[in-house]
Amino acid sequence: MSAIWSSDCSFTLWQYGIGHSRLILKASSNSSQSLGILFEGVDFVKLTRVFPRLSISRADVAQEREMDDAGVRSVRPLLRLALRHDRGTGLVACSRLTVGTVTEIDGRTPFELHPIHLSIRA
């Protein structure tokens, strides 16, 4: 599958909130700005903690079957995504994917993405 979005940056699992159904990956950076990836309406996750050279694409048939076998059933449309990286592949089923720049203020990161580089809904 062709990539929806890719980066040579290394991303880490930064936050996952079951209550808010949000998953956030953040690029390692020495500056006050870095890339962030926000998955909203998350129904399924199969991930590692680190994602070197990340590429996001739509899941292939076998990966969609793996999600179905794990019980992914939703009344709302879902993006079924494959997160390919140098160490393997992760899977996410979500209703929205947003990629943008995260700006830290005083060492704290209010998670706002601006500017937005990519935003897609199921």
N, C-alpha and C. Protein backbone atom coordinates (compact mmCIF):
# COMPACT_ATOMS: atom_id res chain seq x y z
N MET A 1 0.83 -1.18 0.00
CA MET A 1 0.00 0.00 0.00
C MET A 1 0.88 1.25 0.00
N SER A 2 0.42 2.26 -0.69
CA SER A 2 1.19 3.51 -0.71
C SER A 2 0.94 4.29 0.58
N ALA A 3 1.93 5.05 0.97
CA ALA A 3 1.87 5.78 2.24
C ALA A 3 0.93 6.98 2.15
N ILE A 4 0.14 7.14 3.21
CA ILE A 4 -0.67 8.36 3.38
C ILE A 4 0.25 9.47 3.84
N TRP A 5 1.22 9.11 4.70
CA TRP A 5 2.16 10.06 5.26
C TRP A 5 3.39 9.30 5.75
N SER A 6 4.57 9.91 5.63
CA SER A 6 5.79 9.27 6.14
C SER A 6 6.79 10.32 6.61
N SER A 7 7.73 9.88 7.45
CA SER A 7 8.75 10.76 8.00
C SER A 7 9.99 9.95 8.32
N ASP A 8 11.15 10.58 8.19
CA ASP A 8 12.40 9.95 8.60
C ASP A 8 12.67 10.12 10.09
N CYS A 9 11.80 10.86 10.79
CA CYS A 9 11.94 11.06 12.23
C CYS A 9 11.63 9.78 12.99
N SER A 10 12.14 9.71 14.21
CA SER A 10 11.81 8.62 15.12
C SER A 10 10.70 9.10 16.06
N PHE A 11 9.60 8.36 16.11
CA PHE A 11 8.46 8.72 16.96
C PHE A 11 8.39 7.80 18.16
N THR A 12 7.85 8.32 19.26
CA THR A 12 7.61 7.50 20.45
C THR A 12 6.14 7.60 20.84
N LEU A 13 5.66 6.54 21.48
CA LEU A 13 4.32 6.54 22.03
C LEU A 13 4.32 7.54 23.19
N TRP A 14 3.58 8.60 23.05
CA TRP A 14 3.65 9.69 24.01
C TRP A 14 2.47 9.66 24.97
N GLN A 15 1.28 9.30 24.46
CA GLN A 15 0.11 9.28 25.34
C GLN A 15 -0.97 8.41 24.71
N TYR A 16 -1.63 7.63 25.56
CA TYR A 16 -2.79 6.87 25.12
C TYR A 16 -3.84 6.97 26.20
N GLY A 17 -5.00 7.49 25.84
CA GLY A 17 -6.07 7.64 26.81
C GLY A 17 -7.29 6.85 26.38
N ILE A 18 -7.62 5.83 27.12
CA ILE A 18 -8.77 4.99 26.79
C ILE A 18 -10.06 5.80 26.91
N GLY A 19 -10.18 6.59 27.96
CA GLY A 19 -11.39 7.37 28.18
C GLY A 19 -11.69 8.35 27.06
N HIS A 20 -10.63 8.95 26.51
CA HIS A 20 -10.81 9.92 25.43
C HIS A 20 -10.59 9.29 24.06
N SER A 21 -10.24 8.01 24.05
CA SER A 21 -9.96 7.28 22.80
C SER A 21 -8.96 8.01 21.94
N ARG A 22 -7.89 8.50 22.59
CA ARG A 22 -6.84 9.25 21.88
C ARG A 22 -5.50 8.56 22.01
N LEU A 23 -4.77 8.56 20.92
CA LEU A 23 -3.41 8.04 20.88
C LEU A 23 -2.54 9.13 20.29
N ILE A 24 -1.41 9.41 20.95
CA ILE A 24 -0.51 10.46 20.47
C ILE A 24 0.90 9.88 20.33
N LEU A 25 1.48 10.08 19.16
CA LEU A 25 2.89 9.77 18.92
C LEU A 25 3.60 11.10 18.72
N LYS A 26 4.82 11.21 19.25
CA LYS A 26 5.55 12.46 19.14
C LYS A 26 6.97 12.18 18.65
N ALA A 27 7.44 13.01 17.73
CA ALA A 27 8.80 12.85 17.21
C ALA A 27 9.81 13.32 18.23
N SER A 28 10.95 12.63 18.30
CA SER A 28 12.05 13.07 19.15
C SER A 28 12.62 14.35 18.55
N SER A 29 12.86 15.34 19.40
CA SER A 29 13.35 16.62 18.90
C SER A 29 14.12 17.34 19.99
N ASN A 30 15.16 18.06 19.57
CA ASN A 30 15.93 18.88 20.51
C ASN A 30 15.43 20.32 20.55
N SER A 31 14.46 20.64 19.70
CA SER A 31 13.95 22.00 19.66
C SER A 31 12.61 22.08 20.38
N SER A 32 12.05 23.28 20.45
CA SER A 32 10.76 23.46 21.12
C SER A 32 9.60 23.05 20.22
N GLN A 33 9.90 22.72 18.96
CA GLN A 33 8.85 22.26 18.04
C GLN A 33 9.19 20.87 17.54
N SER A 34 8.19 20.03 17.43
CA SER A 34 8.39 18.70 16.88
C SER A 34 7.09 18.25 16.22
N LEU A 35 7.18 17.17 15.48
CA LEU A 35 5.98 16.63 14.84
C LEU A 35 5.19 15.79 15.82
N GLY A 36 3.88 15.86 15.71
CA GLY A 36 2.99 15.04 16.53
C GLY A 36 1.95 14.38 15.65
N ILE A 37 1.54 13.19 16.04
CA ILE A 37 0.50 12.46 15.32
C ILE A 37 -0.60 12.14 16.32
N LEU A 38 -1.81 12.57 16.01
CA LEU A 38 -2.96 12.37 16.89
C LEU A 38 -3.96 11.46 16.20
N PHE A 39 -4.29 10.36 16.88
CA PHE A 39 -5.33 9.43 16.42
C PHE A 39 -6.51 9.62 17.37
N GLU A 40 -7.68 9.92 16.83
CA GLU A 40 -8.87 10.13 17.67
C GLU A 40 -9.92 9.06 17.37
N GLY A 41 -10.77 8.79 18.34
CA GLY A 41 -11.78 7.76 18.18
C GLY A 41 -11.16 6.39 17.98
N VAL A 42 -10.14 6.10 18.79
CA VAL A 42 -9.36 4.86 18.64
C VAL A 42 -10.16 3.66 19.15
N ASP A 43 -10.31 2.66 18.30
CA ASP A 43 -11.00 1.43 18.67
C ASP A 43 -10.05 0.23 18.78
N PHE A 44 -8.86 0.34 18.19
CA PHE A 44 -7.92 -0.78 18.20
C PHE A 44 -6.50 -0.24 18.08
N VAL A 45 -5.59 -0.83 18.89
CA VAL A 45 -4.18 -0.47 18.82
C VAL A 45 -3.33 -1.72 18.96
N LYS A 46 -2.32 -1.83 18.14
CA LYS A 46 -1.29 -2.87 18.27
C LYS A 46 0.01 -2.18 17.90
N LEU A 47 0.76 -1.77 18.94
CA LEU A 47 1.93 -0.92 18.71
C LEU A 47 3.11 -1.30 19.58
N THR A 48 4.27 -0.82 19.15
CA THR A 48 5.46 -0.83 20.00
C THR A 48 5.58 0.58 20.58
N ARG A 49 6.64 0.83 21.33
CA ARG A 49 6.80 2.16 21.95
C ARG A 49 7.58 3.14 21.07
N VAL A 50 8.42 2.61 20.17
CA VAL A 50 9.27 3.47 19.34
C VAL A 50 9.05 3.14 17.87
N PHE A 51 9.02 4.20 17.04
CA PHE A 51 8.73 4.05 15.62
C PHE A 51 9.77 4.81 14.79
N PRO A 52 10.93 4.18 14.51
CA PRO A 52 11.92 4.87 13.69
C PRO A 52 11.48 4.87 12.21
N ARG A 53 11.61 6.02 11.56
CA ARG A 53 11.27 6.18 10.14
C ARG A 53 9.87 5.67 9.85
N LEU A 54 8.90 6.38 10.34
CA LEU A 54 7.49 5.97 10.32
C LEU A 54 6.82 6.26 8.99
N SER A 55 6.02 5.31 8.55
CA SER A 55 5.19 5.46 7.35
C SER A 55 3.79 4.97 7.68
N ILE A 56 2.78 5.79 7.41
CA ILE A 56 1.39 5.43 7.70
C ILE A 56 0.66 5.18 6.39
N SER A 57 0.00 4.03 6.30
CA SER A 57 -0.78 3.69 5.11
C SER A 57 -2.07 3.01 5.55
N ARG A 58 -2.96 2.81 4.62
CA ARG A 58 -4.17 2.04 4.92
C ARG A 58 -3.77 0.59 5.11
N ALA A 59 -4.43 -0.09 6.01
CA ALA A 59 -4.13 -1.50 6.29
C ALA A 59 -4.46 -2.34 5.05
N ASP A 60 -3.66 -3.39 4.85
CA ASP A 60 -3.96 -4.31 3.75
C ASP A 60 -5.01 -5.32 4.22
N VAL A 61 -5.41 -6.22 3.33
CA VAL A 61 -6.48 -7.17 3.63
C VAL A 61 -6.14 -8.05 4.84
N ALA A 62 -4.91 -8.54 4.91
CA ALA A 62 -4.51 -9.40 6.04
C ALA A 62 -4.53 -8.62 7.35
N GLN A 63 -4.11 -7.36 7.34
CA GLN A 63 -4.12 -6.55 8.55
C GLN A 63 -5.55 -6.20 8.98
N GLU A 64 -6.41 -5.95 8.01
CA GLU A 64 -7.83 -5.71 8.34
C GLU A 64 -8.44 -6.96 8.96
N ARG A 65 -8.09 -8.12 8.43
CA ARG A 65 -8.59 -9.38 8.98
C ARG A 65 -8.10 -9.55 10.42
N GLU A 66 -6.84 -9.19 10.68
CA GLU A 66 -6.30 -9.28 12.05
C GLU A 66 -7.10 -8.40 13.01
N MET A 67 -7.47 -7.20 12.55
CA MET A 67 -8.28 -6.32 13.38
C MET A 67 -9.67 -6.91 13.60
N ASP A 68 -10.27 -7.44 12.54
CA ASP A 68 -11.58 -8.08 12.67
C ASP A 68 -11.54 -9.25 13.65
N ASP A 69 -10.48 -10.07 13.54
CA ASP A 69 -10.33 -11.23 14.44
C ASP A 69 -10.15 -10.80 15.89
N ALA A 70 -9.62 -9.59 16.09
CA ALA A 70 -9.43 -9.07 17.45
C ALA A 70 -10.70 -8.42 17.99
N GLY A 71 -11.73 -8.38 17.16
CA GLY A 71 -13.01 -7.88 17.64
C GLY A 71 -13.32 -6.43 17.28
N VAL A 72 -12.62 -5.86 16.31
CA VAL A 72 -12.90 -4.48 15.92
C VAL A 72 -14.23 -4.43 15.18
N ARG A 73 -15.20 -3.86 15.84
CA ARG A 73 -16.53 -3.66 15.26
C ARG A 73 -16.99 -2.29 15.73
N SER A 74 -17.39 -1.46 14.81
CA SER A 74 -17.77 -0.10 15.19
C SER A 74 -19.02 0.32 14.44
N VAL A 75 -19.84 1.12 15.09
CA VAL A 75 -21.03 1.64 14.43
C VAL A 75 -20.66 2.86 13.58
N ARG A 76 -19.48 3.43 13.83
CA ARG A 76 -19.04 4.57 13.03
C ARG A 76 -17.93 4.10 12.07
N PRO A 77 -17.74 4.82 10.97
CA PRO A 77 -16.66 4.45 10.04
C PRO A 77 -15.29 4.59 10.70
N LEU A 78 -14.38 3.71 10.35
CA LEU A 78 -13.03 3.73 10.92
C LEU A 78 -11.98 3.76 9.84
N LEU A 79 -10.89 4.47 10.12
CA LEU A 79 -9.68 4.36 9.32
C LEU A 79 -8.94 3.16 9.88
N ARG A 80 -8.58 2.24 9.04
CA ARG A 80 -7.78 1.08 9.46
C ARG A 80 -6.39 1.29 8.91
N LEU A 81 -5.46 1.59 9.82
CA LEU A 81 -4.14 2.06 9.42
C LEU A 81 -3.02 1.10 9.81
N ALA A 82 -2.00 1.04 8.95
CA ALA A 82 -0.77 0.30 9.24
C ALA A 82 0.33 1.32 9.47
N LEU A 83 1.05 1.18 10.57
CA LEU A 83 2.16 2.06 10.91
C LEU A 83 3.45 1.28 10.72
N ARG A 84 4.06 1.45 9.57
CA ARG A 84 5.28 0.71 9.23
C ARG A 84 6.49 1.52 9.69
N HIS A 85 7.47 0.80 10.24
CA HIS A 85 8.70 1.45 10.70
C HIS A 85 9.83 0.45 10.62
N ASP A 86 11.04 0.90 10.93
CA ASP A 86 12.23 0.05 10.79
C ASP A 86 12.19 -1.22 11.63
N ARG A 87 11.36 -1.26 12.65
CA ARG A 87 11.33 -2.42 13.55
C ARG A 87 10.09 -3.29 13.38
N GLY A 88 9.22 -2.96 12.43
CA GLY A 88 8.02 -3.78 12.23
C GLY A 88 6.83 -2.95 11.78
N THR A 89 5.65 -3.44 12.11
CA THR A 89 4.42 -2.77 11.72
C THR A 89 3.43 -2.77 12.88
N GLY A 90 2.82 -1.63 13.12
CA GLY A 90 1.76 -1.51 14.12
C GLY A 90 0.44 -1.29 13.41
N LEU A 91 -0.65 -1.44 14.13
CA LEU A 91 -1.98 -1.25 13.56
C LEU A 91 -2.82 -0.34 14.45
N VAL A 92 -3.62 0.51 13.82
CA VAL A 92 -4.53 1.40 14.55
C VAL A 92 -5.83 1.49 13.76
N ALA A 93 -6.96 1.37 14.46
CA ALA A 93 -8.28 1.64 13.88
C ALA A 93 -8.82 2.86 14.62
N CYS A 94 -9.10 3.93 13.87
CA CYS A 94 -9.54 5.18 14.49
C CYS A 94 -10.48 5.93 13.55
N SER A 95 -11.12 6.95 14.07
CA SER A 95 -12.04 7.74 13.23
C SER A 95 -11.36 8.96 12.61
N ARG A 96 -10.21 9.39 13.18
CA ARG A 96 -9.53 10.57 12.62
C ARG A 96 -8.03 10.48 12.87
N LEU A 97 -7.27 10.91 11.89
CA LEU A 97 -5.81 10.99 11.96
C LEU A 97 -5.40 12.43 11.65
N THR A 98 -4.57 13.02 12.53
CA THR A 98 -4.07 14.37 12.31
C THR A 98 -2.57 14.38 12.57
N VAL A 99 -1.82 15.00 11.67
CA VAL A 99 -0.37 15.17 11.82
C VAL A 99 -0.09 16.66 11.80
N GLY A 100 0.72 17.13 12.75
CA GLY A 100 1.03 18.56 12.78
C GLY A 100 2.24 18.84 13.64
N THR A 101 2.51 20.11 13.85
CA THR A 101 3.64 20.55 14.66
C THR A 101 3.18 20.82 16.08
N VAL A 102 3.91 20.25 17.04
CA VAL A 102 3.62 20.44 18.46
C VAL A 102 4.62 21.46 18.99
N THR A 103 4.14 22.48 19.67
CA THR A 103 5.01 23.50 20.25
C THR A 103 4.98 23.38 21.77
N GLU A 104 6.16 23.23 22.37
CA GLU A 104 6.25 23.16 23.82
C GLU A 104 6.43 24.56 24.39
N ILE A 105 5.73 24.84 25.48
CA ILE A 105 5.83 26.12 26.15
C ILE A 105 6.31 25.87 27.57
N ASP A 106 7.46 26.42 27.91
CA ASP A 106 8.04 26.24 29.25
C ASP A 106 8.21 24.78 29.61
N GLY A 107 8.63 23.96 28.66
CA GLY A 107 8.87 22.55 28.94
C GLY A 107 7.62 21.70 29.05
N ARG A 108 6.45 22.31 28.92
CA ARG A 108 5.19 21.58 28.98
C ARG A 108 4.59 21.55 27.58
N THR A 109 3.92 20.51 27.26
CA THR A 109 3.36 20.39 25.92
C THR A 109 1.85 20.31 25.97
N PRO A 110 1.19 21.46 25.75
CA PRO A 110 -0.26 21.37 25.56
C PRO A 110 -0.43 20.78 24.17
N PHE A 111 -1.18 19.70 24.03
CA PHE A 111 -1.19 19.04 22.73
C PHE A 111 -2.11 19.75 21.76
N GLU A 112 -1.52 20.71 21.07
CA GLU A 112 -2.20 21.38 19.97
C GLU A 112 -1.30 21.25 18.76
N LEU A 113 -1.88 20.86 17.66
CA LEU A 113 -1.11 20.72 16.44
C LEU A 113 -1.34 21.94 15.56
N HIS A 114 -0.27 22.68 15.33
CA HIS A 114 -0.38 23.85 14.45
C HIS A 114 1.00 24.16 13.89
N PRO A 115 1.19 24.22 12.62
CA PRO A 115 0.16 24.01 11.60
C PRO A 115 -0.14 22.53 11.40
N ILE A 116 -1.29 22.28 10.83
CA ILE A 116 -1.70 20.92 10.51
C ILE A 116 -1.07 20.54 9.17
N HIS A 117 -0.43 19.37 9.12
CA HIS A 117 0.18 18.89 7.88
C HIS A 117 -0.73 17.91 7.16
N LEU A 118 -1.57 17.22 7.91
CA LEU A 118 -2.46 16.21 7.34
C LEU A 118 -3.61 16.00 8.30
N SER A 119 -4.83 15.90 7.78
CA SER A 119 -5.98 15.59 8.61
C SER A 119 -6.97 14.81 7.75
N ILE A 120 -7.25 13.58 8.16
CA ILE A 120 -8.23 12.76 7.43
C ILE A 120 -9.20 12.11 8.40
N ARG A 121 -10.41 11.96 7.96
CA ARG A 121 -11.47 11.29 8.74
C ARG A 121 -11.90 10.04 8.00
N ALA A 122 -12.45 9.11 8.77
CA ALA A 122 -12.96 7.89 8.16
C ALA A 122 -14.20 8.20 7.35
